[in-house]
């Protein structure tokens, strides 16, 4: 059974006007939420074969915090195109995953995380807040992702 985890980066800071959107760091709440998620991964002994992450400051920081607590990622890669990704681009990225891989996480941004989840599971997700995580059972191989055929196993929203 293949599993896909779609994680929206944790809450970022808007405090500095001189930083570009790409360079915005997490705020205190975002760091707390990422730590909570890392602790959850550690407690559940969750391991992910491949983490594919947007290279923005806030996605990297989200990954680094979770990884430092739980060591959940066997391999990770920062992919430029995830930053402003369409759902079609995410599907293309996943289609190139080795067929032996059973678990993949994408750490990215809205609206793509939200839209990708709804497309894969044919279910409406009311909101996909920062640091929310969708866990999806994929019914086929990575190169044959089917719309509306997969199962949402869990949708975790962060504590406020």
C-alpha atoms as a PDB file:
ATOM      1  CA  UNK A   1       0.000   0.000   0.000  1.00  0.00           C
ATOM      2  CA  UNK A   2       1.453   3.352  -1.038  1.00  0.00           C
ATOM      3  CA  UNK A   3       0.860   6.338   1.191  1.00  0.00           C
ATOM      4  CA  UNK A   4       1.095   9.999   0.317  1.00  0.00           C
ATOM      5  CA  UNK A   5       1.380  12.666   2.992  1.00  0.00           C
ATOM      6  CA  UNK A   6       0.601  16.238   1.964  1.00  0.00           C
ATOM      7  CA  UNK A   7       1.824  18.788   4.500  1.00  0.00           C
ATOM      8  CA  UNK A   8       1.267  22.504   4.274  1.00  0.00           C
ATOM      9  CA  UNK A   9       4.156  24.434   5.840  1.00  0.00           C
ATOM     10  CA  UNK A  10       3.704  25.720   9.381  1.00  0.00           C
ATOM     11  CA  UNK A  11       2.534  29.290  10.106  1.00  0.00           C
ATOM     12  CA  UNK A  12       4.935  31.907   8.804  1.00  0.00           C
ATOM     13  CA  UNK A  13       5.811  35.394   9.922  1.00  0.00           C
ATOM     14  CA  UNK A  14       4.751  38.563   8.148  1.00  0.00           C
ATOM     15  CA  UNK A  15       6.717  40.744  10.599  1.00  0.00           C
ATOM     16  CA  UNK A  16       9.461  41.801   8.207  1.00  0.00           C
ATOM     17  CA  UNK A  17       8.468  43.904   5.213  1.00  0.00           C
ATOM     18  CA  UNK A  18      11.894  43.605   3.612  1.00  0.00           C
ATOM     19  CA  UNK A  19      11.697  39.816   3.114  1.00  0.00           C
ATOM     20  CA  UNK A  20      10.261  38.285  -0.023  1.00  0.00           C
ATOM     21  CA  UNK A  21       7.469  35.723   0.270  1.00  0.00           C
ATOM     22  CA  UNK A  22      10.026  32.999  -0.496  1.00  0.00           C
ATOM     23  CA  UNK A  23      12.259  34.048   2.422  1.00  0.00           C
ATOM     24  CA  UNK A  24       9.638  34.382   5.169  1.00  0.00           C
ATOM     25  CA  UNK A  25      10.482  32.273   8.278  1.00  0.00           C
ATOM     26  CA  UNK A  26       8.068  30.574  10.643  1.00  0.00           C
ATOM     27  CA  UNK A  27       6.559  32.529  13.503  1.00  0.00           C
ATOM     28  CA  UNK A  28       6.414  31.217  17.083  1.00  0.00           C
ATOM     29  CA  UNK A  29       3.082  29.464  16.564  1.00  0.00           C
ATOM     30  CA  UNK A  30       4.422  27.832  13.406  1.00  0.00           C
ATOM     31  CA  UNK A  31       7.480  26.528  15.238  1.00  0.00           C
ATOM     32  CA  UNK A  32       5.266  25.178  18.042  1.00  0.00           C
ATOM     33  CA  UNK A  33       2.958  23.448  15.537  1.00  0.00           C
ATOM     34  CA  UNK A  34       5.918  21.907  13.686  1.00  0.00           C
ATOM     35  CA  UNK A  35       7.342  20.672  17.006  1.00  0.00           C
ATOM     36  CA  UNK A  36       3.974  19.120  17.914  1.00  0.00           C
ATOM     37  CA  UNK A  37       3.866  17.337  14.558  1.00  0.00           C
ATOM     38  CA  UNK A  38       7.449  16.113  15.001  1.00  0.00           C
ATOM     39  CA  UNK A  39       6.575  14.755  18.446  1.00  0.00           C
ATOM     40  CA  UNK A  40       3.536  13.003  16.967  1.00  0.00           C
ATOM     41  CA  UNK A  41       5.713  11.396  14.270  1.00  0.00           C
ATOM     42  CA  UNK A  42       8.219  10.325  16.943  1.00  0.00           C
ATOM     43  CA  UNK A  43       5.520   8.775  19.158  1.00  0.00           C
ATOM     44  CA  UNK A  44       3.998   6.910  16.203  1.00  0.00           C
ATOM     45  CA  UNK A  45       7.453   5.900  14.913  1.00  0.00           C
ATOM     46  CA  UNK A  46       6.417   7.278  11.521  1.00  0.00           C
ATOM     47  CA  UNK A  47       9.010   6.848   8.772  1.00  0.00           C
ATOM     48  CA  UNK A  48       8.713   8.280   5.271  1.00  0.00           C
ATOM     49  CA  UNK A  49      10.774   6.936   2.352  1.00  0.00           C
ATOM     50  CA  UNK A  50      11.009  10.239   0.470  1.00  0.00           C
ATOM     51  CA  UNK A  51      10.208  13.811   1.471  1.00  0.00           C
ATOM     52  CA  UNK A  52       9.876  16.285  -1.394  1.00  0.00           C
ATOM     53  CA  UNK A  53       9.940  19.847  -0.153  1.00  0.00           C
ATOM     54  CA  UNK A  54       9.544  23.325  -1.539  1.00  0.00           C
ATOM     55  CA  UNK A  55      12.809  25.264  -1.082  1.00  0.00           C
ATOM     56  CA  UNK A  56      11.135  28.280   0.573  1.00  0.00           C
ATOM     57  CA  UNK A  57      12.404  29.290   4.012  1.00  0.00           C
ATOM     58  CA  UNK A  58       9.164  28.333   5.784  1.00  0.00           C
ATOM     59  CA  UNK A  59       8.912  24.862   4.202  1.00  0.00           C
ATOM     60  CA  UNK A  60      12.586  24.129   4.915  1.00  0.00           C
ATOM     61  CA  UNK A  61      12.173  25.283   8.510  1.00  0.00           C
ATOM     62  CA  UNK A  62       9.035  23.149   8.911  1.00  0.00           C
ATOM     63  CA  UNK A  63      10.941  20.115   7.594  1.00  0.00           C
ATOM     64  CA  UNK A  64      14.027  20.815   9.737  1.00  0.00           C
ATOM     65  CA  UNK A  65      12.028  21.090  12.967  1.00  0.00           C
ATOM     66  CA  UNK A  66      10.037  17.902  12.355  1.00  0.00           C
ATOM     67  CA  UNK A  67      13.139  15.996  11.209  1.00  0.00           C
ATOM     68  CA  UNK A  68      15.196  17.110  14.224  1.00  0.00           C
ATOM     69  CA  UNK A  69      12.581  15.722  16.617  1.00  0.00           C
ATOM     70  CA  UNK A  70      11.487  12.553  14.845  1.00  0.00           C
ATOM     71  CA  UNK A  71      14.126  11.664  12.216  1.00  0.00           C
ATOM     72  CA  UNK A  72      11.159  10.598  10.064  1.00  0.00           C
ATOM     73  CA  UNK A  73      12.657  11.090   6.596  1.00  0.00           C
ATOM     74  CA  UNK A  74      14.861   8.441   5.036  1.00  0.00           C
ATOM     75  CA  UNK A  75      15.614  10.750   2.090  1.00  0.00           C
ATOM     76  CA  UNK A  76      14.660  14.314   1.288  1.00  0.00           C
ATOM     77  CA  UNK A  77      14.961  16.617  -1.683  1.00  0.00           C
ATOM     78  CA  UNK A  78      14.162  20.282  -2.224  1.00  0.00           C
ATOM     79  CA  UNK A  79      12.375  20.835  -5.535  1.00  0.00           C
ATOM     80  CA  UNK A  80      12.068  24.375  -6.891  1.00  0.00           C
ATOM     81  CA  UNK A  81       8.842  23.733  -8.786  1.00  0.00           C
ATOM     82  CA  UNK A  82       6.927  22.826  -5.608  1.00  0.00           C
ATOM     83  CA  UNK A  83       7.060  26.489  -4.492  1.00  0.00           C
ATOM     84  CA  UNK A  84       4.427  27.722  -6.979  1.00  0.00           C
ATOM     85  CA  UNK A  85       3.183  24.308  -7.994  1.00  0.00           C
ATOM     86  CA  UNK A  86       0.025  23.352  -9.776  1.00  0.00           C
ATOM     87  CA  UNK A  87      -1.683  20.070  -8.995  1.00  0.00           C
ATOM     88  CA  UNK A  88      -0.615  18.826 -12.432  1.00  0.00           C
ATOM     89  CA  UNK A  89       3.013  19.532 -11.578  1.00  0.00           C
ATOM     90  CA  UNK A  90       2.719  17.640  -8.271  1.00  0.00           C
ATOM     91  CA  UNK A  91       1.254  14.645 -10.097  1.00  0.00           C
ATOM     92  CA  UNK A  92       4.141  14.809 -12.590  1.00  0.00           C
ATOM     93  CA  UNK A  93       6.682  14.892  -9.739  1.00  0.00           C
ATOM     94  CA  UNK A  94       5.034  11.880  -8.079  1.00  0.00           C
ATOM     95  CA  UNK A  95       4.940   9.956 -11.367  1.00  0.00           C
ATOM     96  CA  UNK A  96       8.743   9.941 -11.323  1.00  0.00           C
ATOM     97  CA  UNK A  97       9.000   8.284  -7.891  1.00  0.00           C
ATOM     98  CA  UNK A  98      10.648   4.867  -7.836  1.00  0.00           C
ATOM     99  CA  UNK A  99       7.918   2.212  -7.851  1.00  0.00           C
ATOM    100  CA  UNK A 100       9.571   0.472  -4.865  1.00  0.00           C
ATOM    101  CA  UNK A 101       8.867   3.528  -2.709  1.00  0.00           C
ATOM    102  CA  UNK A 102       5.870   3.054  -0.433  1.00  0.00           C
ATOM    103  CA  UNK A 103       5.639   6.430   1.316  1.00  0.00           C
ATOM    104  CA  UNK A 104       6.137   9.982   0.090  1.00  0.00           C
ATOM    105  CA  UNK A 105       5.571  13.338   1.751  1.00  0.00           C
ATOM    106  CA  UNK A 106       5.290  16.632  -0.070  1.00  0.00           C
ATOM    107  CA  UNK A 107       5.824  19.742   2.041  1.00  0.00           C
ATOM    108  CA  UNK A 108       4.376  22.647   0.141  1.00  0.00           C
ATOM    109  CA  UNK A 109       1.937  25.504  -0.032  1.00  0.00           C
ATOM    110  CA  UNK A 110      -1.704  26.267  -0.591  1.00  0.00           C
ATOM    111  CA  UNK A 111      -3.666  26.139  -2.726  1.00  0.00           C
ATOM    112  CA  UNK A 112      -1.834  23.126  -4.198  1.00  0.00           C
ATOM    113  CA  UNK A 113      -1.843  20.999  -1.002  1.00  0.00           C
ATOM    114  CA  UNK A 114      -5.578  21.576  -0.547  1.00  0.00           C
ATOM    115  CA  UNK A 115      -6.509  21.038  -4.202  1.00  0.00           C
ATOM    116  CA  UNK A 116      -4.300  17.950  -4.555  1.00  0.00           C
ATOM    117  CA  UNK A 117      -5.945  16.335  -1.528  1.00  0.00           C
ATOM    118  CA  UNK A 118      -9.457  16.984  -2.824  1.00  0.00           C
ATOM    119  CA  UNK A 119      -8.563  15.762  -6.310  1.00  0.00           C
ATOM    120  CA  UNK A 120      -7.036  12.497  -5.146  1.00  0.00           C
ATOM    121  CA  UNK A 121      -9.750  11.532  -2.659  1.00  0.00           C
ATOM    122  CA  UNK A 122     -12.855  13.125  -4.203  1.00  0.00           C
ATOM    123  CA  UNK A 123     -13.771  14.657  -0.887  1.00  0.00           C
ATOM    124  CA  UNK A 124     -14.260  18.279   0.080  1.00  0.00           C
ATOM    125  CA  UNK A 125     -11.843  19.534   2.710  1.00  0.00           C
ATOM    126  CA  UNK A 126     -13.308  22.651   4.319  1.00  0.00           C
ATOM    127  CA  UNK A 127      -9.979  24.248   5.236  1.00  0.00           C
ATOM    128  CA  UNK A 128      -6.343  23.219   4.891  1.00  0.00           C
ATOM    129  CA  UNK A 129      -4.641  25.418   7.509  1.00  0.00           C
ATOM    130  CA  UNK A 130      -0.921  25.850   7.976  1.00  0.00           C
ATOM    131  CA  UNK A 131       0.772  22.707   9.348  1.00  0.00           C
ATOM    132  CA  UNK A 132      -2.222  20.560   8.365  1.00  0.00           C
ATOM    133  CA  UNK A 133      -1.378  17.060   7.149  1.00  0.00           C
ATOM    134  CA  UNK A 134      -3.389  14.839   4.815  1.00  0.00           C
ATOM    135  CA  UNK A 135      -2.532  11.128   4.854  1.00  0.00           C
ATOM    136  CA  UNK A 136      -3.787   9.398   1.715  1.00  0.00           C
ATOM    137  CA  UNK A 137      -3.805   5.722   0.785  1.00  0.00           C
ATOM    138  CA  UNK A 138      -2.874   5.510  -2.900  1.00  0.00           C
ATOM    139  CA  UNK A 139      -4.647   2.668  -4.711  1.00  0.00           C
ATOM    140  CA  UNK A 140      -2.205   2.378  -7.600  1.00  0.00           C
ATOM    141  CA  UNK A 141       1.450   3.049  -8.395  1.00  0.00           C
ATOM    142  CA  UNK A 142       3.009   6.520  -8.362  1.00  0.00           C
ATOM    143  CA  UNK A 143       3.092   6.663 -12.150  1.00  0.00           C
ATOM    144  CA  UNK A 144      -0.614   5.819 -12.415  1.00  0.00           C
ATOM    145  CA  UNK A 145      -2.165   8.131  -9.844  1.00  0.00           C
ATOM    146  CA  UNK A 146      -5.922   8.106 -10.253  1.00  0.00           C
ATOM    147  CA  UNK A 147      -8.174  11.024  -9.467  1.00  0.00           C
ATOM    148  CA  UNK A 148     -10.983  10.430  -6.968  1.00  0.00           C
ATOM    149  CA  UNK A 149      -9.951   6.803  -6.316  1.00  0.00           C
ATOM    150  CA  UNK A 150      -7.758   7.126  -3.229  1.00  0.00           C
ATOM    151  CA  UNK A 151      -8.685   7.111   0.446  1.00  0.00           C
ATOM    152  CA  UNK A 152      -8.139   9.865   2.979  1.00  0.00           C
ATOM    153  CA  UNK A 153      -6.840   7.963   6.008  1.00  0.00           C
ATOM    154  CA  UNK A 154      -6.292  10.925   8.293  1.00  0.00           C
ATOM    155  CA  UNK A 155      -6.481  14.700   8.182  1.00  0.00           C
ATOM    156  CA  UNK A 156      -4.596  16.320  11.048  1.00  0.00           C
ATOM    157  CA  UNK A 157      -5.002  20.006  11.847  1.00  0.00           C
ATOM    158  CA  UNK A 158      -2.605  21.705  14.259  1.00  0.00           C
ATOM    159  CA  UNK A 159      -3.557  22.846  17.720  1.00  0.00           C
ATOM    160  CA  UNK A 160      -4.051  26.602  17.869  1.00  0.00           C
END
